[in-house]
């Protein structure tokens, strides 16, 4: 399956572009994140904490719908799905 992955800072800088296509034989969001971190090792510390959990400040969207639970990490992805990764912005 081919997945369109839209990347915002700092991921777009690490990868060198703001949008990539990732091909997976099959899988879920967790498999995709692991594949991205395998292909681009500098992403790992931005995506996962030391315990291997997805960082709280990482916003993930599948087909423009926010991922809001760990259960969605294991839901199957489908060919053509669009995944967006962006770090939450905070400040005051």
Protein backbone atom coordinates (compact mmCIF):
# COMPACT_ATOMS: atom_id res chain seq x y z
CA UNK A 1 0.00 0.00 0.00
CA UNK A 2 1.12 3.55 -0.66
CA UNK A 3 0.67 6.14 2.07
CA UNK A 4 1.03 9.88 1.67
CA UNK A 5 2.85 11.34 4.66
CA UNK A 6 2.78 15.11 5.20
CA UNK A 7 5.56 16.35 7.44
CA UNK A 8 5.80 19.62 9.30
CA UNK A 9 8.81 21.03 11.18
CA UNK A 10 11.05 19.50 12.46
CA UNK A 11 10.22 16.40 10.44
CA UNK A 12 10.25 18.12 7.06
CA UNK A 13 13.74 19.42 7.80
CA UNK A 14 14.98 15.97 8.86
CA UNK A 15 13.55 14.27 5.77
CA UNK A 16 14.32 17.13 3.38
CA UNK A 17 10.77 17.67 2.13
CA UNK A 18 7.29 18.26 3.40
CA UNK A 19 5.58 15.30 1.76
CA UNK A 20 6.71 11.76 1.04
CA UNK A 21 5.14 8.52 -0.10
CA UNK A 22 5.84 5.46 2.02
CA UNK A 23 5.13 1.99 0.74
CA UNK A 24 4.21 -0.68 3.26
CA UNK A 25 3.14 -4.21 2.44
CA UNK A 26 0.55 -3.88 5.21
CA UNK A 27 0.47 -2.33 8.62
CA UNK A 28 -0.83 0.22 11.02
CA UNK A 29 0.19 3.63 12.29
CA UNK A 30 2.72 2.14 14.71
CA UNK A 31 4.40 0.26 11.85
CA UNK A 32 4.48 3.42 9.75
CA UNK A 33 6.09 5.46 12.54
CA UNK A 34 8.69 2.75 13.11
CA UNK A 35 9.43 2.63 9.38
CA UNK A 36 9.84 6.42 9.20
CA UNK A 37 12.22 6.35 12.17
CA UNK A 38 14.16 3.48 10.63
CA UNK A 39 14.50 5.35 7.32
CA UNK A 40 15.23 8.68 9.09
CA UNK A 41 16.88 7.92 12.47
CA UNK A 42 16.93 11.57 13.57
CA UNK A 43 13.13 11.42 13.77
CA UNK A 44 13.13 8.80 16.55
CA UNK A 45 13.73 11.19 19.46
CA UNK A 46 11.04 13.53 18.13
CA UNK A 47 8.45 10.75 17.72
CA UNK A 48 9.11 8.38 20.65
CA UNK A 49 10.08 8.95 24.28
CA UNK A 50 12.70 6.77 26.03
CA UNK A 51 10.04 4.21 26.94
CA UNK A 52 9.04 3.83 23.27
CA UNK A 53 5.72 5.65 23.58
CA UNK A 54 4.62 8.29 21.09
CA UNK A 55 5.42 11.71 22.54
CA UNK A 56 2.47 13.67 23.93
CA UNK A 57 3.33 16.77 21.90
CA UNK A 58 3.14 14.90 18.57
CA UNK A 59 -0.11 15.49 16.71
CA UNK A 60 -0.98 12.76 14.22
CA UNK A 61 -3.84 12.87 11.73
CA UNK A 62 -5.10 10.11 9.46
CA UNK A 63 -7.12 11.50 6.56
CA UNK A 64 -7.44 14.79 8.49
CA UNK A 65 -8.91 13.05 11.56
CA UNK A 66 -6.83 13.41 14.75
CA UNK A 67 -5.44 10.28 16.38
CA UNK A 68 -6.58 10.57 19.98
CA UNK A 69 -5.96 7.15 21.51
CA UNK A 70 -3.37 4.39 21.65
CA UNK A 71 -5.99 2.07 20.13
CA UNK A 72 -5.73 3.98 16.86
CA UNK A 73 -2.01 3.14 16.69
CA UNK A 74 -2.95 -0.46 15.88
CA UNK A 75 -5.81 0.25 13.46
CA UNK A 76 -5.04 -0.90 9.93
CA UNK A 77 -4.04 1.71 7.37
CA UNK A 78 -5.36 1.52 3.81
CA UNK A 79 -3.81 2.25 0.46
CA UNK A 80 -3.98 5.98 -0.25
CA UNK A 81 -4.36 7.08 3.38
CA UNK A 82 -2.87 10.48 4.21
CA UNK A 83 -0.99 10.80 7.48
CA UNK A 84 0.13 14.15 8.88
CA UNK A 85 2.77 14.55 11.59
CA UNK A 86 3.17 17.83 13.41
CA UNK A 87 4.57 18.94 16.73
CA UNK A 88 2.13 20.85 18.93
CA UNK A 89 2.97 24.54 19.26
CA UNK A 90 2.76 26.09 22.70
CA UNK A 91 3.78 29.37 24.15
CA UNK A 92 2.59 32.43 25.79
